[in-house]
């Protein structure tokens, strides 16, 4: 367990580029407050791939861990001392735990996806389509495997850019079919569609997906609801947003970084939802 020494500060942070929009500081700080970890701090640090090695090398003994977002999840792997089996399989780490034994990489995105789907009451799918081929798509493949699904369809703009995700599928033992967006209509007869596309990128497919998919998981959390989420709701489908995934992956990160198992999920949820409302200008 990581403990802070009285009179000192134990530091953690989220790294990425861009990073100013991140909700992670609100989630982690809420956890520290509820857990009584008065000597802990958590900040957001702008960091791209080029700056990552120097930043990691400059961290002192007061650091407990890092959360990583785009574009660092894959870039961090060769900079770590140890990496969990899951992070190796997925080809990306969104979590770095710092201790006297070095830098350990892990992946809590997979846990976040599984928990988000379960919390929304989405049954383990028998078939699934993933939109987009980046690091979150890779974590989605691993989450689907945990839910018992051994095959999936990946839809990307350019098949040539799906190579890394196809390698992930091979490591996971998942049968992967790669298709392009111009063929999307032909692959939508599935139980679940997961959009890992950035905000706005799925707008043009919203009505098509909503008309065919009974359940959609859109990893975007702001602005929310997306046009895709709105279309699925109008069609009577089940929608899972990106915030529950963000919340639950952060819960697991707090566990890994602090060693605590009594992480206050609802306090973290309330803090994140309050900040989302504040940003939307609807805070009460």
C-alpha atoms as a PDB file:
ATOM      1  CA  UNK A   1       0.000   0.000   0.000  1.00  0.00           C
ATOM      2  CA  UNK A   2       1.234   3.492  -0.857  1.00  0.00           C
ATOM      3  CA  UNK A   3       1.188   5.773   2.192  1.00  0.00           C
ATOM      4  CA  UNK A   4       1.941   9.464   2.511  1.00  0.00           C
ATOM      5  CA  UNK A   5       4.319  10.674   5.207  1.00  0.00           C
ATOM      6  CA  UNK A   6       2.890  13.406   7.477  1.00  0.00           C
ATOM      7  CA  UNK A   7       3.988  16.816   6.271  1.00  0.00           C
ATOM      8  CA  UNK A   8       4.750  15.608   2.738  1.00  0.00           C
ATOM      9  CA  UNK A   9       2.712  15.482  -0.456  1.00  0.00           C
ATOM     10  CA  UNK A  10       2.144  12.306  -2.428  1.00  0.00           C
ATOM     11  CA  UNK A  11       1.630  13.240  -6.043  1.00  0.00           C
ATOM     12  CA  UNK A  12      -0.277  11.743  -8.949  1.00  0.00           C
ATOM     13  CA  UNK A  13      -1.348  13.180 -12.294  1.00  0.00           C
ATOM     14  CA  UNK A  14      -2.985  12.582 -15.638  1.00  0.00           C
ATOM     15  CA  UNK A  15      -0.815  13.087 -18.723  1.00  0.00           C
ATOM     16  CA  UNK A  16      -1.885  13.643 -22.296  1.00  0.00           C
ATOM     17  CA  UNK A  17      -2.219  16.132 -25.109  1.00  0.00           C
ATOM     18  CA  UNK A  18      -4.578  17.923 -25.092  1.00  0.00           C
ATOM     19  CA  UNK A  19      -5.294  17.513 -21.366  1.00  0.00           C
ATOM     20  CA  UNK A  20      -7.121  20.635 -20.146  1.00  0.00           C
ATOM     21  CA  UNK A  21     -10.512  18.966 -20.665  1.00  0.00           C
ATOM     22  CA  UNK A  22      -9.735  15.923 -18.499  1.00  0.00           C
ATOM     23  CA  UNK A  23     -12.187  14.973 -15.761  1.00  0.00           C
ATOM     24  CA  UNK A  24      -9.611  12.760 -14.049  1.00  0.00           C
ATOM     25  CA  UNK A  25      -8.493  15.402 -11.499  1.00  0.00           C
ATOM     26  CA  UNK A  26     -12.073  15.791 -10.261  1.00  0.00           C
ATOM     27  CA  UNK A  27     -12.530  12.028  -9.908  1.00  0.00           C
ATOM     28  CA  UNK A  28      -9.226  11.305  -8.173  1.00  0.00           C
ATOM     29  CA  UNK A  29      -9.369  14.326  -5.872  1.00  0.00           C
ATOM     30  CA  UNK A  30     -12.893  13.340  -4.789  1.00  0.00           C
ATOM     31  CA  UNK A  31     -11.569   9.881  -3.929  1.00  0.00           C
ATOM     32  CA  UNK A  32      -8.665  11.287  -1.915  1.00  0.00           C
ATOM     33  CA  UNK A  33     -10.996  13.566   0.034  1.00  0.00           C
ATOM     34  CA  UNK A  34     -13.482  10.792   0.827  1.00  0.00           C
ATOM     35  CA  UNK A  35     -10.652   8.443   1.824  1.00  0.00           C
ATOM     36  CA  UNK A  36      -9.058  11.044   4.079  1.00  0.00           C
ATOM     37  CA  UNK A  37      -5.828  11.123   2.066  1.00  0.00           C
ATOM     38  CA  UNK A  38      -5.015  14.719   2.998  1.00  0.00           C
ATOM     39  CA  UNK A  39      -1.428  14.517   1.814  1.00  0.00           C
ATOM     40  CA  UNK A  40      -2.320  13.482  -1.741  1.00  0.00           C
ATOM     41  CA  UNK A  41      -2.506  15.736  -4.797  1.00  0.00           C
ATOM     42  CA  UNK A  42      -3.573  15.078  -8.389  1.00  0.00           C
ATOM     43  CA  UNK A  43      -3.037  17.368 -11.359  1.00  0.00           C
ATOM     44  CA  UNK A  44      -3.320  17.469 -15.147  1.00  0.00           C
ATOM     45  CA  UNK A  45      -0.074  17.827 -17.091  1.00  0.00           C
ATOM     46  CA  UNK A  46       0.158  18.563 -20.802  1.00  0.00           C
ATOM     47  CA  UNK A  47       2.533  15.986 -22.286  1.00  0.00           C
ATOM     48  CA  UNK A  48       2.969  14.570 -25.768  1.00  0.00           C
ATOM     49  CA  UNK A  49       4.955  11.521 -26.906  1.00  0.00           C
ATOM     50  CA  UNK A  50       8.167  13.484 -27.424  1.00  0.00           C
ATOM     51  CA  UNK A  51       8.104  14.909 -23.882  1.00  0.00           C
ATOM     52  CA  UNK A  52       7.139  11.684 -22.115  1.00  0.00           C
ATOM     53  CA  UNK A  53      10.604  10.128 -21.547  1.00  0.00           C
ATOM     54  CA  UNK A  54      12.000  13.265 -19.908  1.00  0.00           C
ATOM     55  CA  UNK A  55       8.908  13.761 -17.777  1.00  0.00           C
ATOM     56  CA  UNK A  56       9.004  10.190 -16.485  1.00  0.00           C
ATOM     57  CA  UNK A  57      12.717  10.467 -15.837  1.00  0.00           C
ATOM     58  CA  UNK A  58      12.226  13.586 -13.751  1.00  0.00           C
ATOM     59  CA  UNK A  59       9.682  12.171 -11.325  1.00  0.00           C
ATOM     60  CA  UNK A  60      10.924  11.977  -7.763  1.00  0.00           C
ATOM     61  CA  UNK A  61      10.125   9.563  -4.918  1.00  0.00           C
ATOM     62  CA  UNK A  62       7.023  11.532  -3.921  1.00  0.00           C
ATOM     63  CA  UNK A  63       5.111  10.283  -6.953  1.00  0.00           C
ATOM     64  CA  UNK A  64       2.577   7.440  -6.604  1.00  0.00           C
ATOM     65  CA  UNK A  65       1.211   7.105 -10.110  1.00  0.00           C
ATOM     66  CA  UNK A  66       0.094   8.465 -13.445  1.00  0.00           C
ATOM     67  CA  UNK A  67      -3.032   8.222 -15.543  1.00  0.00           C
ATOM     68  CA  UNK A  68      -2.367   8.300 -19.287  1.00  0.00           C
ATOM     69  CA  UNK A  69      -4.634   9.387 -22.086  1.00  0.00           C
ATOM     70  CA  UNK A  70      -4.030   9.952 -25.789  1.00  0.00           C
ATOM     71  CA  UNK A  71      -1.486   9.830 -27.312  1.00  0.00           C
ATOM     72  CA  UNK A  72       0.570   8.138 -24.588  1.00  0.00           C
ATOM     73  CA  UNK A  73      -0.990   4.731 -23.911  1.00  0.00           C
ATOM     74  CA  UNK A  74       1.129   2.898 -26.458  1.00  0.00           C
ATOM     75  CA  UNK A  75       4.146   5.206 -26.315  1.00  0.00           C
ATOM     76  CA  UNK A  76       4.717   4.568 -22.596  1.00  0.00           C
ATOM     77  CA  UNK A  77       5.244   0.805 -22.848  1.00  0.00           C
ATOM     78  CA  UNK A  78       8.981   0.784 -23.670  1.00  0.00           C
ATOM     79  CA  UNK A  79       9.599   3.263 -20.838  1.00  0.00           C
ATOM     80  CA  UNK A  80       8.273   0.951 -18.109  1.00  0.00           C
ATOM     81  CA  UNK A  81      10.077  -1.547 -15.889  1.00  0.00           C
ATOM     82  CA  UNK A  82       7.187  -4.013 -15.701  1.00  0.00           C
ATOM     83  CA  UNK A  83       3.863  -4.273 -17.527  1.00  0.00           C
ATOM     84  CA  UNK A  84       0.772  -6.290 -16.654  1.00  0.00           C
ATOM     85  CA  UNK A  85      -0.176  -9.172 -18.919  1.00  0.00           C
ATOM     86  CA  UNK A  86      -3.370  -7.344 -19.881  1.00  0.00           C
ATOM     87  CA  UNK A  87      -1.530  -4.164 -20.891  1.00  0.00           C
ATOM     88  CA  UNK A  88       0.839  -6.281 -22.997  1.00  0.00           C
ATOM     89  CA  UNK A  89      -2.071  -8.003 -24.722  1.00  0.00           C
ATOM     90  CA  UNK A  90      -3.916  -4.748 -25.351  1.00  0.00           C
ATOM     91  CA  UNK A  91      -0.738  -2.982 -26.414  1.00  0.00           C
ATOM     92  CA  UNK A  92      -1.335   0.010 -24.183  1.00  0.00           C
ATOM     93  CA  UNK A  93      -1.169   1.159 -20.577  1.00  0.00           C
ATOM     94  CA  UNK A  94      -3.384   3.925 -19.238  1.00  0.00           C
ATOM     95  CA  UNK A  95      -1.962   3.581 -15.724  1.00  0.00           C
ATOM     96  CA  UNK A  96       1.567   3.781 -14.309  1.00  0.00           C
ATOM     97  CA  UNK A  97       2.123   2.861 -10.676  1.00  0.00           C
ATOM     98  CA  UNK A  98       5.335   4.338  -9.278  1.00  0.00           C
ATOM     99  CA  UNK A  99       7.149   2.704  -6.357  1.00  0.00           C
ATOM    100  CA  UNK A 100      10.576   1.794  -5.100  1.00  0.00           C
ATOM    101  CA  UNK A 101      10.583  -1.160  -7.464  1.00  0.00           C
ATOM    102  CA  UNK A 102      10.131   1.036 -10.526  1.00  0.00           C
ATOM    103  CA  UNK A 103       7.447   1.926 -13.031  1.00  0.00           C
ATOM    104  CA  UNK A 104       4.667  -0.601 -13.478  1.00  0.00           C
ATOM    105  CA  UNK A 105       2.189  -0.245 -16.328  1.00  0.00           C
ATOM    106  CA  UNK A 106      -1.376  -1.498 -16.254  1.00  0.00           C
ATOM    107  CA  UNK A 107      -4.611  -1.125 -18.174  1.00  0.00           C
ATOM    108  CA  UNK A 108      -7.799  -0.154 -16.316  1.00  0.00           C
ATOM    109  CA  UNK A 109      -9.736   0.852 -19.441  1.00  0.00           C
ATOM    110  CA  UNK A 110     -10.808  -2.758 -19.925  1.00  0.00           C
ATOM    111  CA  UNK A 111     -12.214  -2.868 -16.392  1.00  0.00           C
ATOM    112  CA  UNK A 112     -13.956   0.458 -17.016  1.00  0.00           C
ATOM    113  CA  UNK A 113     -15.664  -0.795 -20.173  1.00  0.00           C
ATOM    114  CA  UNK A 114     -16.854  -4.023 -18.559  1.00  0.00           C
ATOM    115  CA  UNK A 115     -18.213  -2.162 -15.536  1.00  0.00           C
ATOM    116  CA  UNK A 116     -19.923   0.501 -17.654  1.00  0.00           C
ATOM    117  CA  UNK A 117     -21.779  -2.098 -19.721  1.00  0.00           C
ATOM    118  CA  UNK A 118     -22.736  -4.113 -16.649  1.00  0.00           C
ATOM    119  CA  UNK A 119     -23.951  -1.038 -14.768  1.00  0.00           C
ATOM    120  CA  UNK A 120     -26.204  -0.121 -17.712  1.00  0.00           C
ATOM    121  CA  UNK A 121     -27.731  -3.596 -17.759  1.00  0.00           C
ATOM    122  CA  UNK A 122     -26.301  -4.533 -21.154  1.00  0.00           C
ATOM    123  CA  UNK A 123     -26.215  -8.308 -21.460  1.00  0.00           C
ATOM    124  CA  UNK A 124     -22.974  -9.935 -22.659  1.00  0.00           C
ATOM    125  CA  UNK A 125     -23.225  -9.574 -26.447  1.00  0.00           C
ATOM    126  CA  UNK A 126     -23.170 -12.448 -28.885  1.00  0.00           C
ATOM    127  CA  UNK A 127     -21.950 -10.135 -31.650  1.00  0.00           C
ATOM    128  CA  UNK A 128     -20.378  -6.683 -31.745  1.00  0.00           C
ATOM    129  CA  UNK A 129     -19.078  -3.954 -34.027  1.00  0.00           C
ATOM    130  CA  UNK A 130     -16.377  -1.499 -32.948  1.00  0.00           C
ATOM    131  CA  UNK A 131     -16.113   1.845 -34.709  1.00  0.00           C
ATOM    132  CA  UNK A 132     -12.541   3.159 -34.804  1.00  0.00           C
ATOM    133  CA  UNK A 133      -9.206   1.413 -34.488  1.00  0.00           C
ATOM    134  CA  UNK A 134      -7.176   3.173 -31.788  1.00  0.00           C
ATOM    135  CA  UNK A 135      -6.139   2.295 -28.251  1.00  0.00           C
ATOM    136  CA  UNK A 136      -9.709   2.362 -26.904  1.00  0.00           C
ATOM    137  CA  UNK A 137     -10.802  -0.052 -29.630  1.00  0.00           C
ATOM    138  CA  UNK A 138      -8.056  -2.410 -28.489  1.00  0.00           C
ATOM    139  CA  UNK A 139      -9.267  -2.204 -24.884  1.00  0.00           C
ATOM    140  CA  UNK A 140     -12.804  -2.812 -26.117  1.00  0.00           C
ATOM    141  CA  UNK A 141     -11.694  -6.064 -27.749  1.00  0.00           C
ATOM    142  CA  UNK A 142     -10.255  -7.196 -24.427  1.00  0.00           C
ATOM    143  CA  UNK A 143     -13.425  -6.196 -22.581  1.00  0.00           C
ATOM    144  CA  UNK A 144     -15.555  -8.137 -25.053  1.00  0.00           C
ATOM    145  CA  UNK A 145     -13.328 -11.160 -24.504  1.00  0.00           C
ATOM    146  CA  UNK A 146     -13.927 -10.877 -20.755  1.00  0.00           C
ATOM    147  CA  UNK A 147     -17.648 -10.867 -21.524  1.00  0.00           C
ATOM    148  CA  UNK A 148     -17.256 -14.114 -23.449  1.00  0.00           C
ATOM    149  CA  UNK A 149     -17.182 -12.814 -27.027  1.00  0.00           C
ATOM    150  CA  UNK A 150     -14.492 -14.349 -29.192  1.00  0.00           C
ATOM    151  CA  UNK A 151     -15.090 -12.438 -32.412  1.00  0.00           C
ATOM    152  CA  UNK A 152     -15.859  -8.881 -33.477  1.00  0.00           C
ATOM    153  CA  UNK A 153     -15.943  -6.550 -36.456  1.00  0.00           C
ATOM    154  CA  UNK A 154     -13.747  -3.453 -36.545  1.00  0.00           C
ATOM    155  CA  UNK A 155     -14.861  -0.579 -38.775  1.00  0.00           C
ATOM    156  CA  UNK A 156     -12.212   1.957 -39.785  1.00  0.00           C
ATOM    157  CA  UNK A 157     -11.699   4.594 -42.452  1.00  0.00           C
ATOM    158  CA  UNK A 158      -8.575   2.911 -43.809  1.00  0.00           C
ATOM    159  CA  UNK A 159      -7.881  -0.795 -43.352  1.00  0.00           C
ATOM    160  CA  UNK A 160      -4.154  -0.140 -43.575  1.00  0.00           C
ATOM    161  CA  UNK A 161      -4.353   1.738 -40.250  1.00  0.00           C
ATOM    162  CA  UNK A 162      -5.955  -1.168 -38.398  1.00  0.00           C
ATOM    163  CA  UNK A 163      -2.751  -3.179 -38.151  1.00  0.00           C
ATOM    164  CA  UNK A 164      -1.968  -2.567 -34.463  1.00  0.00           C
ATOM    165  CA  UNK A 165      -5.523  -3.369 -33.402  1.00  0.00           C
ATOM    166  CA  UNK A 166      -5.495  -6.517 -35.541  1.00  0.00           C
ATOM    167  CA  UNK A 167      -2.317  -7.587 -33.730  1.00  0.00           C
ATOM    168  CA  UNK A 168      -4.107  -7.017 -30.410  1.00  0.00           C
ATOM    169  CA  UNK A 169      -6.968  -9.248 -31.558  1.00  0.00           C
ATOM    170  CA  UNK A 170      -4.477 -11.970 -32.439  1.00  0.00           C
ATOM    171  CA  UNK A 171      -2.841 -11.774 -28.985  1.00  0.00           C
ATOM    172  CA  UNK A 172      -6.284 -11.901 -27.354  1.00  0.00           C
ATOM    173  CA  UNK A 173      -7.343 -14.891 -29.447  1.00  0.00           C
ATOM    174  CA  UNK A 174     -10.228 -12.866 -30.905  1.00  0.00           C
ATOM    175  CA  UNK A 175     -11.340 -13.423 -34.497  1.00  0.00           C
ATOM    176  CA  UNK A 176     -11.416  -9.954 -36.050  1.00  0.00           C
ATOM    177  CA  UNK A 177     -13.009  -8.832 -39.291  1.00  0.00           C
ATOM    178  CA  UNK A 178     -11.893  -5.400 -40.506  1.00  0.00           C
ATOM    179  CA  UNK A 179     -14.294  -3.346 -42.597  1.00  0.00           C
ATOM    180  CA  UNK A 180     -14.439   0.231 -43.866  1.00  0.00           C
ATOM    181  CA  UNK A 181     -17.156   2.774 -43.116  1.00  0.00           C
ATOM    182  CA  UNK A 182     -18.592   2.630 -46.628  1.00  0.00           C
ATOM    183  CA  UNK A 183     -19.616  -0.958 -45.783  1.00  0.00           C
ATOM    184  CA  UNK A 184     -21.008  -0.119 -42.331  1.00  0.00           C
ATOM    185  CA  UNK A 185     -24.612  -0.897 -43.255  1.00  0.00           C
ATOM    186  CA  UNK A 186     -23.660  -4.492 -44.038  1.00  0.00           C
ATOM    187  CA  UNK A 187     -22.237  -5.261 -40.585  1.00  0.00           C
ATOM    188  CA  UNK A 188     -24.753  -3.692 -38.187  1.00  0.00           C
ATOM    189  CA  UNK A 189     -26.900  -6.735 -37.453  1.00  0.00           C
ATOM    190  CA  UNK A 190     -25.244  -7.150 -34.035  1.00  0.00           C
ATOM    191  CA  UNK A 191     -26.132  -6.982 -30.353  1.00  0.00           C
ATOM    192  CA  UNK A 192     -23.748  -4.143 -29.529  1.00  0.00           C
ATOM    193  CA  UNK A 193     -22.056  -1.270 -31.341  1.00  0.00           C
ATOM    194  CA  UNK A 194     -19.151   0.438 -29.585  1.00  0.00           C
ATOM    195  CA  UNK A 195     -18.057   3.799 -30.954  1.00  0.00           C
ATOM    196  CA  UNK A 196     -14.501   4.684 -29.974  1.00  0.00           C
ATOM    197  CA  UNK A 197     -14.531   7.653 -32.350  1.00  0.00           C
ATOM    198  CA  UNK A 198     -13.786  11.184 -31.104  1.00  0.00           C
ATOM    199  CA  UNK A 199     -16.566  13.683 -30.458  1.00  0.00           C
ATOM    200  CA  UNK A 200     -18.525  14.447 -33.623  1.00  0.00           C
ATOM    201  CA  UNK A 201     -16.909  11.739 -35.737  1.00  0.00           C
ATOM    202  CA  UNK A 202     -19.909   9.393 -35.459  1.00  0.00           C
ATOM    203  CA  UNK A 203     -22.528  12.051 -36.258  1.00  0.00           C
ATOM    204  CA  UNK A 204     -22.848  11.028 -39.887  1.00  0.00           C
ATOM    205  CA  UNK A 205     -23.603   7.408 -38.924  1.00  0.00           C
ATOM    206  CA  UNK A 206     -25.970   8.155 -36.046  1.00  0.00           C
ATOM    207  CA  UNK A 207     -29.294   7.374 -37.712  1.00  0.00           C
ATOM    208  CA  UNK A 208     -27.956   4.309 -39.493  1.00  0.00           C
ATOM    209  CA  UNK A 209     -26.552   2.796 -36.291  1.00  0.00           C
ATOM    210  CA  UNK A 210     -29.639   3.730 -34.256  1.00  0.00           C
ATOM    211  CA  UNK A 211     -31.949   1.992 -36.703  1.00  0.00           C
ATOM    212  CA  UNK A 212     -30.083  -1.294 -36.445  1.00  0.00           C
ATOM    213  CA  UNK A 213     -28.306  -1.638 -33.099  1.00  0.00           C
ATOM    214  CA  UNK A 214     -30.262  -2.470 -29.908  1.00  0.00           C
ATOM    215  CA  UNK A 215     -27.395  -1.250 -27.693  1.00  0.00           C
ATOM    216  CA  UNK A 216     -24.707   1.356 -28.311  1.00  0.00           C
ATOM    217  CA  UNK A 217     -21.723   2.295 -26.179  1.00  0.00           C
ATOM    218  CA  UNK A 218     -20.340   5.719 -27.156  1.00  0.00           C
ATOM    219  CA  UNK A 219     -17.059   6.442 -25.359  1.00  0.00           C
ATOM    220  CA  UNK A 220     -17.514  10.222 -25.652  1.00  0.00           C
ATOM    221  CA  UNK A 221     -18.508  11.855 -22.353  1.00  0.00           C
ATOM    222  CA  UNK A 222     -18.541  15.539 -23.325  1.00  0.00           C
ATOM    223  CA  UNK A 223     -20.449  17.088 -24.886  1.00  0.00           C
ATOM    224  CA  UNK A 224     -23.211  14.675 -23.908  1.00  0.00           C
ATOM    225  CA  UNK A 225     -25.522  13.372 -25.226  1.00  0.00           C
ATOM    226  CA  UNK A 226     -23.881  12.988 -28.616  1.00  0.00           C
ATOM    227  CA  UNK A 227     -25.963  12.912 -31.781  1.00  0.00           C
ATOM    228  CA  UNK A 228     -25.391   9.156 -31.844  1.00  0.00           C
ATOM    229  CA  UNK A 229     -26.715   8.769 -28.292  1.00  0.00           C
ATOM    230  CA  UNK A 230     -29.740  10.925 -29.058  1.00  0.00           C
ATOM    231  CA  UNK A 231     -30.562   8.909 -32.170  1.00  0.00           C
ATOM    232  CA  UNK A 232     -30.315   5.587 -30.328  1.00  0.00           C
ATOM    233  CA  UNK A 233     -32.570   6.850 -27.543  1.00  0.00           C
ATOM    234  CA  UNK A 234     -35.166   8.037 -30.035  1.00  0.00           C
ATOM    235  CA  UNK A 235     -35.101   4.598 -31.636  1.00  0.00           C
ATOM    236  CA  UNK A 236     -35.679   2.935 -28.264  1.00  0.00           C
ATOM    237  CA  UNK A 237     -32.219   1.422 -27.919  1.00  0.00           C
ATOM    238  CA  UNK A 238     -29.951   1.243 -24.893  1.00  0.00           C
ATOM    239  CA  UNK A 239     -27.230   3.889 -24.686  1.00  0.00           C
ATOM    240  CA  UNK A 240     -24.073   3.746 -22.556  1.00  0.00           C
ATOM    241  CA  UNK A 241     -21.997   6.912 -22.415  1.00  0.00           C
ATOM    242  CA  UNK A 242     -18.301   7.406 -21.899  1.00  0.00           C
ATOM    243  CA  UNK A 243     -18.521   8.790 -18.381  1.00  0.00           C
ATOM    244  CA  UNK A 244     -19.226   5.443 -16.626  1.00  0.00           C
ATOM    245  CA  UNK A 245     -16.166   3.974 -18.344  1.00  0.00           C
ATOM    246  CA  UNK A 246     -14.055   6.961 -17.258  1.00  0.00           C
ATOM    247  CA  UNK A 247     -15.385   6.655 -13.719  1.00  0.00           C
ATOM    248  CA  UNK A 248     -14.721   2.955 -13.272  1.00  0.00           C
ATOM    249  CA  UNK A 249     -11.271   2.987 -14.865  1.00  0.00           C
ATOM    250  CA  UNK A 250     -10.417   5.803 -12.427  1.00  0.00           C
ATOM    251  CA  UNK A 251     -11.766   3.768  -9.494  1.00  0.00           C
ATOM    252  CA  UNK A 252      -9.387   0.975 -10.401  1.00  0.00           C
ATOM    253  CA  UNK A 253      -6.532   3.465 -10.791  1.00  0.00           C
ATOM    254  CA  UNK A 254      -7.129   4.822  -7.305  1.00  0.00           C
ATOM    255  CA  UNK A 255      -6.999   1.271  -5.964  1.00  0.00           C
ATOM    256  CA  UNK A 256      -3.696   0.591  -7.716  1.00  0.00           C
ATOM    257  CA  UNK A 257      -2.052   3.873  -6.744  1.00  0.00           C
ATOM    258  CA  UNK A 258      -3.184   4.045  -3.106  1.00  0.00           C
ATOM    259  CA  UNK A 259      -3.518   0.364  -2.208  1.00  0.00           C
ATOM    260  CA  UNK A 260      -7.008   1.058  -0.862  1.00  0.00           C
ATOM    261  CA  UNK A 261      -9.893  -1.262  -1.685  1.00  0.00           C
ATOM    262  CA  UNK A 262     -12.638   0.941  -0.211  1.00  0.00           C
ATOM    263  CA  UNK A 263     -12.627   3.438  -3.078  1.00  0.00           C
ATOM    264  CA  UNK A 264     -15.709   5.738  -2.901  1.00  0.00           C
ATOM    265  CA  UNK A 265     -17.320   5.149  -6.293  1.00  0.00           C
ATOM    266  CA  UNK A 266     -20.375   7.312  -5.649  1.00  0.00           C
ATOM    267  CA  UNK A 267     -18.352  10.275  -4.369  1.00  0.00           C
ATOM    268  CA  UNK A 268     -16.264  10.101  -7.520  1.00  0.00           C
ATOM    269  CA  UNK A 269     -19.365   9.792  -9.694  1.00  0.00           C
ATOM    270  CA  UNK A 270     -20.962  12.835  -8.071  1.00  0.00           C
ATOM    271  CA  UNK A 271     -17.822  14.934  -8.527  1.00  0.00           C
ATOM    272  CA  UNK A 272     -17.504  14.004 -12.188  1.00  0.00           C
ATOM    273  CA  UNK A 273     -21.163  14.588 -12.973  1.00  0.00           C
ATOM    274  CA  UNK A 274     -21.087  17.960 -11.191  1.00  0.00           C
ATOM    275  CA  UNK A 275     -18.123  19.088 -13.297  1.00  0.00           C
ATOM    276  CA  UNK A 276     -19.796  17.925 -16.513  1.00  0.00           C
ATOM    277  CA  UNK A 277     -22.880  19.956 -15.602  1.00  0.00           C
ATOM    278  CA  UNK A 278     -20.766  22.967 -14.691  1.00  0.00           C
ATOM    279  CA  UNK A 279     -19.034  22.878 -18.047  1.00  0.00           C
ATOM    280  CA  UNK A 280     -22.354  22.609 -19.798  1.00  0.00           C
ATOM    281  CA  UNK A 281     -23.576  25.677 -17.960  1.00  0.00           C
ATOM    282  CA  UNK A 282     -26.387  23.800 -16.250  1.00  0.00           C
ATOM    283  CA  UNK A 283     -25.031  23.546 -12.717  1.00  0.00           C
ATOM    284  CA  UNK A 284     -27.720  24.194 -10.146  1.00  0.00           C
END
